[in-house]
C-alpha cells in the first residue's frame, strides 16, 4: 500500500518512538495523570474515560474456548480488520520498549484501523493490507499475547490524532508492561464496566485443583486475583482476558463462553463508539 514520503518530523517521531527512556517517562506521566482523571467529578467528563468515547474488549485466546467450538478471537479480529478502510501496523510496542519487556518481543506492535490512522506519523508505523494485519495477529496470538480491541481516547493522545479522528485500536497486551491495565485499573468497577465490560456470557472459574501457587496473581493485568487461605480468589475487576487460565501450572482455572452472539455484540458496541465499521 502506498505511503507518503517521510518528513524530518516523521523520522524524529520514529526515533523517539524506539527510545525506551523517552517512552518510559511519557507512559509514567500518563499513568500518574490517569489517577487524577479517575477521580469523582472528573471521570465522567474527561475524554480518556468517557463511556461515550471509549469502548474496549479483551479477547481471550485460551484453548478451552476452541475445544468448545467457540472460535475466539480471530473471527472478531478478521471482520474488523477486513472492514476497516486503513490499517497501520506500529513498528514496535511502545509499552514493551519502555519497560524492556522480558516476556514478549517489542517487535509485536499495535494495529490501528480506520481513516484516523492517516494522521499518525508514518515514522511510527506503516500502512498494511488486511492479509498482513491478520498474519501479524496470528503471530501475536501464537506468542501468547491477548488481543484488546476497541476505541480508546488514550491512544488518540499517545499518537497525537486530531479530536475528530475515527479509529479502532488493536493492542496485543502483555501482563507486565501494558499501560492500559496500569491505567484503567485506577477506575472504580462501576465505571470500568461502562468502557471495558467483560464479554457477555464469559465465565472464568477457579476449581478445587488450585494450590495457591500465585502464578495467576502474577499474570493478572487488573490485579483481580488474590490468594486467600491457600487458594486463588477472583474479584469482579476481572476483564475476562483469560491469562490466568492460560498460565496456571495446575490447570485449575476453567474458562467458558455461553453466548452465540458474542461476535456481533462486540463489533456493534465498538462500532457505535468509533464510527469506523
Foldseek 3Di string as FASTA:
>chain_A
DDDDDADPVLQVCLVLLLALQSLLVVLVVVLVVLLVCQDPPRVCPDQQQHLLQFAKAWWALDPLAVVVVNDPDLVLLLVVLQQFPWKWFFQFASQCSNVVDPQDGRRLHKMKTHPQCSQFRCSGTDIDHSVVVSVSVVVLVVSPFIKMKFGGVVVCVVRVTDPLRFMMMIGRDFLPGDSVLSNLLSHDPVSCCSRQNAQPQKDKDFAPLQQLPCPLCSRQSNSQWDADPRGIDGHPSDSRNCSSCVPDPRNRMDIYGDDPCRSVVSVVSRCSNRVRD
